Protein backbone atom coordinates (compact mmCIF):
# COMPACT_ATOMS: atom_id res chain seq x y z
CA MET A 1 0.00 0.00 0.00
CA LYS A 2 1.41 3.36 -1.05
CA ARG A 3 1.59 6.23 1.44
CA ARG A 4 0.46 9.60 0.04
CA ARG A 5 1.06 13.10 1.28
CA VAL A 6 -2.06 14.79 2.71
CA ARG A 7 -2.65 18.45 1.83
CA ILE A 8 -5.42 20.77 3.00
CA THR A 9 -6.01 23.75 0.69
CA ALA A 10 -6.46 27.34 1.89
CA ASP A 11 -10.19 27.15 1.05
CA ALA A 12 -10.49 24.00 3.14
CA GLU A 13 -8.66 25.68 6.04
CA THR A 14 -11.13 28.58 5.79
CA ASP A 15 -13.97 26.04 5.94
CA LEU A 16 -12.46 24.42 9.05
CA ASN A 17 -12.20 27.82 10.72
CA ALA A 18 -15.87 28.51 9.91
CA ILE A 19 -16.85 25.10 11.30
CA TYR A 20 -14.87 25.86 14.45
CA ASP A 21 -16.64 29.22 14.82
CA TRP A 22 -20.07 27.67 14.32
CA VAL A 23 -19.50 24.78 16.74
CA SER A 24 -17.82 27.06 19.28
CA SER A 25 -20.76 29.47 19.32
CA ALA A 26 -23.21 26.59 19.75
CA THR A 27 -21.36 24.37 22.22
CA GLY A 28 -18.18 26.06 23.41
CA ARG A 29 -14.54 26.33 22.54
CA ALA A 30 -13.39 22.94 23.91
CA VAL A 31 -15.99 21.02 21.93
CA ALA A 32 -15.13 22.95 18.75
CA ILE A 33 -11.41 22.28 19.14
CA ALA A 34 -12.05 18.56 19.65
CA TYR A 35 -14.38 18.42 16.65
CA VAL A 36 -11.94 20.09 14.26
CA ARG A 37 -9.15 17.83 15.56
CA ARG A 38 -11.29 14.76 14.76
CA ILE A 39 -11.87 16.05 11.24
CA ARG A 40 -8.13 16.60 10.74
CA ARG A 41 -7.27 13.17 12.18
CA PHE A 42 -9.80 11.59 9.82
CA CYS A 43 -8.24 13.38 6.84
CA PHE A 44 -4.68 12.48 7.71
CA GLY A 45 -5.79 8.84 7.81
CA PHE A 46 -6.15 9.05 4.03
CA ASP A 47 -2.37 8.82 3.63
CA LEU A 48 -2.61 5.02 3.30
CA ALA A 49 -6.22 4.44 2.23
CA ALA A 50 -7.14 7.33 -0.04
CA ALA A 51 -9.60 5.69 -2.43
CA ARG A 52 -12.66 6.31 -0.28
CA GLY A 53 -15.92 8.06 -0.83
CA ALA A 54 -17.97 8.54 -3.95
CA PRO A 55 -16.44 9.70 -7.21
CA ARG A 56 -18.02 12.92 -8.56
CA HIS A 57 -16.14 13.35 -11.81
CA ASP A 58 -19.26 14.98 -13.25
CA LEU A 59 -18.55 18.07 -11.11
CA LEU A 60 -14.75 18.14 -11.30
CA PRO A 61 -12.29 15.63 -12.77
CA GLY A 62 -10.94 13.46 -9.97
CA LEU A 63 -13.32 14.83 -7.33
CA ARG A 64 -14.39 12.47 -4.55
CA ILE A 65 -16.86 13.10 -1.73
CA VAL A 66 -16.93 11.46 1.69
CA GLY A 67 -18.97 12.14 4.81
CA PHE A 68 -17.71 12.68 8.33
CA GLU A 69 -19.87 11.98 11.39
CA ARG A 70 -23.06 12.59 9.36
CA ARG A 71 -22.55 16.39 9.51
CA ILE A 72 -19.58 17.20 7.26
CA THR A 73 -19.21 16.61 3.53
CA ILE A 74 -15.56 16.47 2.53
CA ALA A 75 -14.43 17.12 -1.06
CA PHE A 76 -11.01 15.88 -2.12
CA THR A 77 -8.89 14.65 -4.99
CA ILE A 78 -6.24 11.93 -5.22
CA ASP A 79 -3.20 11.69 -7.46
CA ASP A 80 -0.22 9.35 -7.38
CA ASP A 81 1.48 11.14 -4.50
CA THR A 82 -1.04 13.40 -2.77
CA VAL A 83 -4.53 13.51 -1.30
CA THR A 84 -5.75 17.09 -1.53
CA PHE A 85 -8.66 18.20 0.61
CA LEU A 86 -10.45 20.97 -1.27
CA ARG A 87 -13.41 21.90 0.91
CA PHE A 88 -15.35 20.97 4.05
CA PHE A 89 -19.10 21.61 4.03
CA TYR A 90 -21.08 21.63 7.26
CA GLY A 91 -24.63 20.41 7.81
CA GLY A 92 -26.60 20.69 4.64
CA GLN A 93 -24.60 23.30 2.74
CA ASP A 94 -25.11 23.01 -1.02
CA TRP A 95 -21.66 21.67 -1.79
CA GLU A 96 -22.43 20.73 -5.40
CA ASP A 97 -22.82 24.41 -6.33
CA ALA A 98 -19.25 25.04 -5.18
CA PHE A 99 -17.98 22.83 -8.03
CA GLU A 100 -20.31 23.88 -10.85
């Protein structure tokens, strides 16, 4: 099994910050920190098993979508060496429009 580098784009980092802000305002800072850490841990687990989720080549060549804890939709691509996380969408956001 090949190990890939995991990369989180600037847009995805912005999404994680927005998720942190939303969760923090609803439940508190400690819960938000733990939640974002779980998302990151999940993503960095793709280094060895990247071919997960549903392909959505109709929206963007190479795009794949996977869910996280039934609240986050994660958009990413895979190439020979890297898994690139493009965006994180929280709770019902219209993520398909972001790629059309």
